[in-house]
Amino acid sequence: MLALAASGASARQESAALRLVPVVSGLAAPVHVAAPAGEPGRLYVVEQAGVIRVVVNGRLRATPFLDLRSLVRSGGEQGLLSVAFHPDYARTRLFYVNYTDLQGDTRVAEYRSDGVRGLPATGRELLRVAQPYANHNGGQLAFGPDRRLYVGMGDGGSGGDPEGRAQNMGSRLGKLLRLDVDRAGAKPQIVALGLRNPWRFSFDRLTGDLWIGDVGQGDWEEIDVLRAGWSGLPNFGWDVWEGRARFEDKPLGPGRLVQPVAVYSHALGCSVTGGLVYRGKAVPALAGRYLYGDYCSGTIWSLAAEGRAAPRREPVSVANLVSFGEDAAGELYAVSHGGTVYRLAR
């Protein structure tokens, strides 16, 4: 893996070749991009108002894949926030969405497609979580190597987690939840706590490691990692800790404290956008590196997925960087909330 083996000037030279290629523009507030494993050349782009669009070989299909606008409250941090495809999507045609309903609550629902379009009448609710405020909805869905669906829940909103939900195991807010979508009637499990707003997280397709970008309060943004096969109950610290700094003078809740592997201050941005570990082939300089960025500054950084090297600032930026995604081949994409999806290239 070139990025891990290279050092000094050669690594900087490789990084400098990175560029962003516009794939599609003119979208309406896109917030997420994903693709099933068996569909090369195809991307699914989530628009915040409640529509999923399809891009086939760089061309935007006129007819939406799914239109849920009649079910979705959109604006600020609310809306249709992500899509995830069943690991056996080619056979099951099942996919999953996370959205804010008309009452302002989080819903996770399963839908089926006919292979071309999602079928609205097939919707089945898997999870509903009441939201006390309009911010910190979380919103990410992703399947793990265990074939379970993981759901990122923010602390419920306002500022400073005023009701202490993130450290309270009696609440699903501020937690990482896990669902067995293949078992009828399965209940969501809390598998980690102490999250403020895990807007974007991902599993490394090679190792199974879980990477989380947790949005900070007033000072620090953080990146957290759980290595594949983790045990026990991880506690990411909020609202006792913000990044690596003490936030509130109170005891930590249950579980073992997991400190961030990377942090940055609000001198460099204001809201972390978690990304993915690059496992594609188009940009060798990024091989084995985790990419992430900031919504406000547009800055993109990367760090080695293995080891303890410092983050590297990449020579590209994206205005209103709201999400990253990968296609069936493992190539990475960056999403601007302003309406454009970019592919990382060299």
Protein backbone atom coordinates (compact mmCIF):
# COMPACT_ATOMS: atom_id res chain seq x y z
CA MET A 1 0.00 0.00 0.00
CA LEU A 2 1.83 3.02 -1.34
CA ALA A 3 0.60 5.62 1.14
CA LEU A 4 1.82 3.50 4.05
CA ALA A 5 5.17 2.69 2.51
CA ALA A 6 5.98 6.14 1.15
CA SER A 7 7.41 8.89 3.33
CA GLY A 8 8.62 12.46 3.13
CA ALA A 9 8.72 14.20 -0.25
CA SER A 10 7.49 11.15 -2.20
CA ALA A 11 4.31 10.94 -0.09
CA ARG A 12 3.70 14.68 -0.47
CA GLN A 13 4.24 14.39 -4.23
CA GLU A 14 1.72 11.54 -4.50
CA SER A 15 -0.81 13.52 -2.43
CA ALA A 16 -0.39 16.59 -4.62
CA ALA A 17 -1.70 14.63 -7.63
CA LEU A 18 -5.13 14.22 -6.03
CA ARG A 19 -7.98 16.02 -7.77
CA LEU A 20 -11.77 16.10 -7.76
CA VAL A 21 -13.75 15.24 -10.87
CA PRO A 22 -17.39 16.44 -10.97
CA VAL A 23 -19.68 13.46 -11.60
CA VAL A 24 -23.07 15.15 -11.42
CA SER A 25 -24.26 18.64 -10.49
CA GLY A 26 -27.54 20.50 -10.20
CA LEU A 27 -28.83 18.26 -7.43
CA ALA A 28 -31.17 19.60 -4.73
CA ALA A 29 -29.29 19.58 -1.40
CA PRO A 30 -27.66 16.14 -1.70
CA VAL A 31 -26.56 14.68 1.64
CA HIS A 32 -25.40 11.12 0.92
CA VAL A 33 -24.19 8.81 -1.84
CA ALA A 34 -24.06 5.02 -1.83
CA ALA A 35 -24.05 2.01 -4.16
CA PRO A 36 -24.87 -1.71 -3.93
CA ALA A 37 -21.95 -4.08 -4.26
CA GLY A 38 -23.16 -5.61 -7.51
CA GLU A 39 -23.90 -2.49 -9.55
CA PRO A 40 -20.72 -1.07 -11.12
CA GLY A 41 -21.13 2.33 -12.72
CA ARG A 42 -24.16 3.22 -10.63
CA LEU A 43 -24.55 5.65 -7.73
CA TYR A 44 -27.56 6.48 -5.59
CA VAL A 45 -27.68 10.06 -4.34
CA VAL A 46 -29.90 11.07 -1.42
CA GLU A 47 -31.47 14.53 -1.62
CA GLN A 48 -32.41 15.96 1.75
CA ALA A 49 -36.02 16.78 0.87
CA GLY A 50 -36.80 13.08 0.46
CA VAL A 51 -35.72 11.89 -2.99
CA ILE A 52 -33.14 9.29 -4.03
CA ARG A 53 -31.65 9.91 -7.49
CA VAL A 54 -29.70 7.45 -9.66
CA VAL A 55 -26.53 8.26 -11.57
CA VAL A 56 -25.64 5.69 -14.26
CA ASN A 57 -22.16 5.99 -15.78
CA GLY A 58 -22.08 9.69 -14.92
CA ARG A 59 -25.57 10.52 -16.19
CA LEU A 60 -28.42 11.48 -13.88
CA ARG A 61 -31.51 9.42 -14.55
CA ALA A 62 -34.58 11.63 -14.90
CA THR A 63 -36.91 9.40 -12.87
CA PRO A 64 -36.09 9.20 -9.14
CA PHE A 65 -35.33 5.85 -7.56
CA LEU A 66 -37.59 6.74 -4.62
CA ASP A 67 -39.65 9.78 -3.64
CA LEU A 68 -40.57 10.05 0.06
CA ARG A 69 -41.18 13.80 0.21
CA SER A 70 -44.71 13.31 1.53
CA LEU A 71 -43.27 11.54 4.60
CA VAL A 72 -40.23 13.72 5.31
CA ARG A 73 -39.64 16.90 7.27
CA SER A 74 -36.66 18.61 5.70
CA GLY A 75 -34.46 21.57 6.65
CA GLY A 76 -31.52 22.25 8.91
CA GLU A 77 -30.35 18.84 10.12
CA GLN A 78 -33.62 17.10 9.30
CA GLY A 79 -34.64 15.26 6.16
CA LEU A 80 -33.94 12.05 4.27
CA LEU A 81 -30.41 11.48 5.54
CA SER A 82 -28.99 8.22 4.15
CA VAL A 83 -29.61 4.99 2.26
CA ALA A 84 -28.03 1.54 2.75
CA PHE A 85 -28.43 -1.53 0.56
CA HIS A 86 -28.86 -5.04 1.90
CA PRO A 87 -25.65 -7.09 1.52
CA ASP A 88 -27.64 -9.40 -0.79
CA TYR A 89 -29.42 -6.58 -2.60
CA ALA A 90 -29.02 -8.26 -6.01
CA ARG A 91 -31.19 -11.10 -4.69
CA THR A 92 -33.42 -9.49 -2.04
CA ARG A 93 -33.83 -6.02 -3.61
CA LEU A 94 -34.08 -4.65 -0.07
CA PHE A 95 -32.73 -1.26 0.95
CA TYR A 96 -33.02 0.95 4.02
CA VAL A 97 -33.49 4.65 4.65
CA ASN A 98 -33.08 6.96 7.64
CA TYR A 99 -35.31 10.04 7.65
CA THR A 100 -37.00 12.64 9.84
CA ASP A 101 -40.75 12.15 9.79
CA LEU A 102 -43.39 14.90 9.76
CA GLN A 103 -43.42 14.94 13.57
CA GLY A 104 -39.66 15.52 13.69
CA ASP A 105 -38.77 12.00 14.85
CA THR A 106 -36.21 9.59 13.42
CA ARG A 107 -37.48 6.66 11.39
CA VAL A 108 -35.57 3.78 9.84
CA ALA A 109 -37.55 1.90 7.20
CA GLU A 110 -37.05 -1.00 4.83
CA TYR A 111 -38.13 -0.84 1.20
CA ARG A 112 -37.96 -3.16 -1.77
CA SER A 113 -37.12 -2.27 -5.36
CA ASP A 114 -37.92 -3.90 -8.67
CA GLY A 115 -34.29 -3.49 -9.69
CA VAL A 116 -34.95 -0.12 -11.33
CA ARG A 117 -37.09 1.85 -8.88
CA GLY A 118 -37.91 1.66 -5.21
CA LEU A 119 -41.48 0.57 -4.46
CA PRO A 120 -43.06 3.03 -1.96
CA ALA A 121 -45.88 0.62 -1.06
CA THR A 122 -43.35 -1.91 0.33
CA GLY A 123 -42.21 0.37 3.17
CA ARG A 124 -41.83 -1.30 6.57
CA GLU A 125 -40.82 0.60 9.70
CA LEU A 126 -37.94 -0.95 11.64
CA LEU A 127 -37.18 1.80 14.15
CA ARG A 128 -38.72 5.01 15.42
CA VAL A 129 -36.97 7.27 17.92
CA ALA A 130 -38.60 10.41 19.30
CA GLN A 131 -36.45 13.52 18.85
CA PRO A 132 -36.75 16.23 21.53
CA TYR A 133 -35.05 18.89 19.38
CA ALA A 134 -34.57 19.57 15.68
CA ASN A 135 -30.79 19.03 15.60
CA HIS A 136 -28.38 16.14 16.20
CA ASN A 137 -30.49 13.56 14.40
CA GLY A 138 -27.47 11.47 13.47
CA GLY A 139 -28.70 9.92 10.23
CA GLN A 140 -26.18 7.36 8.97
CA LEU A 141 -27.06 3.77 8.10
CA ALA A 142 -24.40 1.19 7.21
CA PHE A 143 -24.14 -2.59 7.14
CA GLY A 144 -21.29 -4.06 9.14
CA PRO A 145 -19.21 -7.17 8.37
CA ASP A 146 -21.65 -9.08 10.61
CA ARG A 147 -24.44 -8.26 8.09
CA ARG A 148 -26.25 -6.20 10.74
CA LEU A 149 -27.56 -2.72 10.02
CA TYR A 150 -25.95 -0.01 12.18
CA VAL A 151 -27.77 3.24 12.99
CA GLY A 152 -26.06 6.39 14.26
CA MET A 153 -28.15 8.40 16.73
CA GLY A 154 -27.28 11.91 17.88
CA ASP A 155 -27.86 13.02 21.47
CA GLY A 156 -31.25 14.55 20.68
CA GLY A 157 -30.12 18.10 20.13
CA SER A 158 -30.08 21.52 21.71
CA GLY A 159 -26.55 22.21 23.00
CA GLY A 160 -24.45 20.40 25.60
CA ASP A 161 -26.85 17.43 25.84
CA PRO A 162 -28.96 19.22 28.50
CA GLU A 163 -30.88 16.10 29.57
CA GLY A 164 -27.79 13.86 29.63
CA ARG A 165 -29.11 11.36 27.10
CA ALA A 166 -25.78 10.29 25.55
CA GLN A 167 -24.58 8.67 28.81
CA ASN A 168 -28.01 7.26 29.71
CA MET A 169 -28.55 3.64 28.63
CA GLY A 170 -32.28 4.17 29.07
CA SER A 171 -32.28 6.36 25.94
CA ARG A 172 -31.46 5.43 22.35
CA LEU A 173 -30.15 8.94 21.72
CA GLY A 174 -26.39 9.45 21.63
CA LYS A 175 -25.94 5.76 20.76
CA LEU A 176 -24.82 3.42 18.04
CA LEU A 177 -27.63 0.93 17.42
CA ARG A 178 -27.57 -2.42 15.65
CA LEU A 179 -30.46 -4.17 13.87
CA ASP A 180 -30.71 -7.70 12.53
CA VAL A 181 -32.85 -6.98 9.47
CA ASP A 182 -32.95 -10.67 8.50
CA ARG A 183 -34.70 -11.74 11.70
CA ALA A 184 -38.39 -10.90 11.97
CA GLY A 185 -39.26 -8.90 15.06
CA ALA A 186 -35.63 -8.29 16.05
CA LYS A 187 -35.20 -5.34 18.42
CA PRO A 188 -32.45 -2.73 18.06
CA GLN A 189 -29.48 -3.17 20.37
CA ILE A 190 -27.30 -0.44 21.86
CA VAL A 191 -23.71 -1.35 20.97
CA ALA A 192 -21.96 1.93 21.90
CA LEU A 193 -22.79 5.15 23.74
CA GLY A 194 -21.41 8.62 24.38
CA LEU A 195 -21.94 10.08 20.90
CA ARG A 196 -22.93 13.68 20.24
CA ASN A 197 -23.84 13.56 16.56
CA PRO A 198 -22.29 10.73 14.51
CA TRP A 199 -23.40 12.29 11.24
CA ARG A 200 -21.27 9.96 9.11
CA PHE A 201 -19.62 6.63 9.91
CA SER A 202 -18.40 3.73 7.79
CA PHE A 203 -16.95 0.23 7.89
CA ASP A 204 -13.63 -0.45 6.17
CA ARG A 205 -14.55 -2.90 3.42
CA LEU A 206 -11.20 -4.71 3.84
CA THR A 207 -10.74 -4.94 7.61
CA GLY A 208 -14.23 -4.36 9.01
CA ASP A 209 -13.00 -1.54 11.27
CA LEU A 210 -15.63 1.05 12.16
CA TRP A 211 -14.76 4.73 11.65
CA ILE A 212 -16.95 7.49 13.12
CA GLY A 213 -16.89 11.24 12.59
CA ASP A 214 -18.59 12.67 15.69
CA VAL A 215 -19.56 16.34 15.45
CA GLY A 216 -18.32 18.42 18.36
CA GLN A 217 -19.78 21.15 20.53
CA GLY A 218 -17.89 24.43 20.65
CA ASP A 219 -14.22 23.45 20.49
CA TRP A 220 -13.33 20.02 19.09
CA GLU A 221 -14.25 17.71 16.22
CA GLU A 222 -13.25 14.06 16.47
CA ILE A 223 -12.64 10.81 14.61
CA ASP A 224 -13.21 7.56 16.50
CA VAL A 225 -12.30 3.98 15.56
CA LEU A 226 -13.53 0.61 16.74
CA ARG A 227 -11.37 -2.20 15.42
CA ALA A 228 -13.16 -5.18 13.90
CA GLY A 229 -14.30 -7.74 16.44
CA TRP A 230 -14.42 -5.25 19.30
CA SER A 231 -15.83 -6.51 22.59
CA GLY A 232 -17.61 -4.95 25.53
CA LEU A 233 -19.50 -1.65 25.48
CA PRO A 234 -17.53 1.26 23.96
CA ASN A 235 -18.24 4.70 25.44
CA PHE A 236 -17.08 7.61 23.29
CA GLY A 237 -17.30 10.01 26.21
CA TRP A 238 -19.81 12.72 25.30
CA ASP A 239 -20.95 14.78 27.25
CA VAL A 240 -18.20 14.16 29.80
CA TRP A 241 -15.59 14.59 27.07
CA GLU A 242 -15.48 16.66 23.89
CA GLY A 243 -12.67 15.28 21.78
CA ARG A 244 -9.81 14.74 24.24
CA ALA A 245 -10.85 17.64 26.46
CA ARG A 246 -13.03 17.47 29.54
CA PHE A 247 -16.44 19.00 28.82
CA GLU A 248 -18.48 18.40 31.96
CA ASP A 249 -17.45 17.53 35.51
CA LYS A 250 -19.48 14.39 36.12
CA PRO A 251 -18.89 10.62 36.19
CA LEU A 252 -18.69 8.70 32.96
CA GLY A 253 -21.54 6.30 32.25
CA PRO A 254 -21.15 2.55 31.65
CA GLY A 255 -18.67 0.90 29.34
CA ARG A 256 -15.04 1.57 28.50
CA LEU A 257 -13.90 5.01 27.41
CA VAL A 258 -12.73 5.19 23.78
CA GLN A 259 -10.63 8.26 23.03
CA PRO A 260 -10.49 9.74 19.50
CA VAL A 261 -7.70 8.79 17.12
CA ALA A 262 -7.80 12.31 15.63
CA VAL A 263 -9.20 15.68 16.65
CA TYR A 264 -9.13 19.20 15.24
CA SER A 265 -10.12 22.51 16.75
CA HIS A 266 -12.70 24.99 15.54
CA ALA A 267 -9.87 27.12 14.25
CA LEU A 268 -9.88 24.67 11.30
CA GLY A 269 -13.60 24.08 10.84
CA CYS A 270 -16.87 23.61 12.66
CA SER A 271 -18.48 20.26 11.80
CA VAL A 272 -16.68 17.04 10.94
CA THR A 273 -17.83 14.97 7.98
CA GLY A 274 -16.75 11.40 8.52
CA GLY A 275 -15.54 9.47 5.49
CA LEU A 276 -14.16 6.10 4.45
CA VAL A 277 -10.97 4.13 4.16
CA TYR A 278 -9.89 4.14 0.52
CA ARG A 279 -9.75 0.65 -1.00
CA GLY A 280 -10.03 1.61 -4.67
CA LYS A 281 -7.33 1.54 -7.35
CA ALA A 282 -7.57 4.90 -9.10
CA VAL A 283 -5.55 6.87 -6.52
CA PRO A 284 -2.64 4.75 -5.18
CA ALA A 285 -1.51 7.57 -2.86
CA LEU A 286 -4.70 7.13 -0.84
CA ALA A 287 -4.48 3.35 -0.49
CA GLY A 288 -5.27 2.33 3.07
CA ARG A 289 -5.95 5.88 4.20
CA TYR A 290 -9.10 7.14 5.91
CA LEU A 291 -10.46 10.33 4.35
CA TYR A 292 -12.61 12.84 6.22
CA GLY A 293 -13.33 16.55 6.09
CA ASP A 294 -15.17 19.55 7.48
CA TYR A 295 -18.52 20.92 6.35
CA CYS A 296 -17.66 24.58 7.01
CA SER A 297 -14.08 24.88 5.78
CA GLY A 298 -14.33 22.21 3.07
CA THR A 299 -10.90 20.91 4.10
CA ILE A 300 -10.16 17.24 3.46
CA TRP A 301 -7.67 15.26 5.55
CA SER A 302 -6.52 11.66 5.50
CA LEU A 303 -4.76 9.43 7.97
CA ALA A 304 -3.31 5.94 7.77
CA ALA A 305 -5.93 3.37 8.73
CA GLU A 306 -3.21 1.40 10.52
CA GLY A 307 -0.58 3.05 12.67
CA ARG A 308 -0.36 6.36 14.51
CA ALA A 309 0.87 8.82 11.88
CA ALA A 310 -0.52 12.35 12.02
CA PRO A 311 -3.36 13.33 9.68
CA ARG A 312 -2.35 14.70 6.29
CA ARG A 313 -4.13 17.65 4.75
CA GLU A 314 -5.05 16.82 1.18
CA PRO A 315 -4.63 19.38 -1.64
CA VAL A 316 -8.35 19.54 -2.50
CA SER A 317 -11.41 20.96 -0.78
CA VAL A 318 -15.18 20.83 -1.23
CA ALA A 319 -17.52 23.67 -0.29
CA ASN A 320 -20.25 22.48 2.10
CA LEU A 321 -18.72 19.01 2.32
CA VAL A 322 -21.65 17.01 3.66
CA SER A 323 -20.73 13.39 2.94
CA PHE A 324 -18.38 10.86 1.40
CA GLY A 325 -19.37 7.62 -0.30
CA GLU A 326 -17.96 4.71 -2.29
CA ASP A 327 -19.05 2.80 -5.36
CA ALA A 328 -19.02 -0.93 -6.03
CA ALA A 329 -15.31 -0.82 -6.91
CA GLY A 330 -14.31 1.08 -3.76
CA GLU A 331 -13.69 4.41 -5.47
CA LEU A 332 -14.51 7.41 -3.29
CA TYR A 333 -16.87 10.32 -3.83
CA ALA A 334 -17.37 13.60 -2.01
CA VAL A 335 -20.75 15.33 -1.80
CA SER A 336 -21.28 19.09 -1.70
CA HIS A 337 -24.53 20.14 -0.09
CA GLY A 338 -24.59 22.82 -2.80
CA GLY A 339 -25.53 20.21 -5.40
CA THR A 340 -22.44 18.45 -6.80
CA VAL A 341 -20.99 14.98 -6.37
CA TYR A 342 -17.24 14.63 -7.04
CA ARG A 343 -15.09 11.57 -7.66
CA LEU A 344 -11.60 11.45 -6.17
CA ALA A 345 -9.02 10.95 -8.91
CA ARG A 346 -5.35 11.61 -9.64
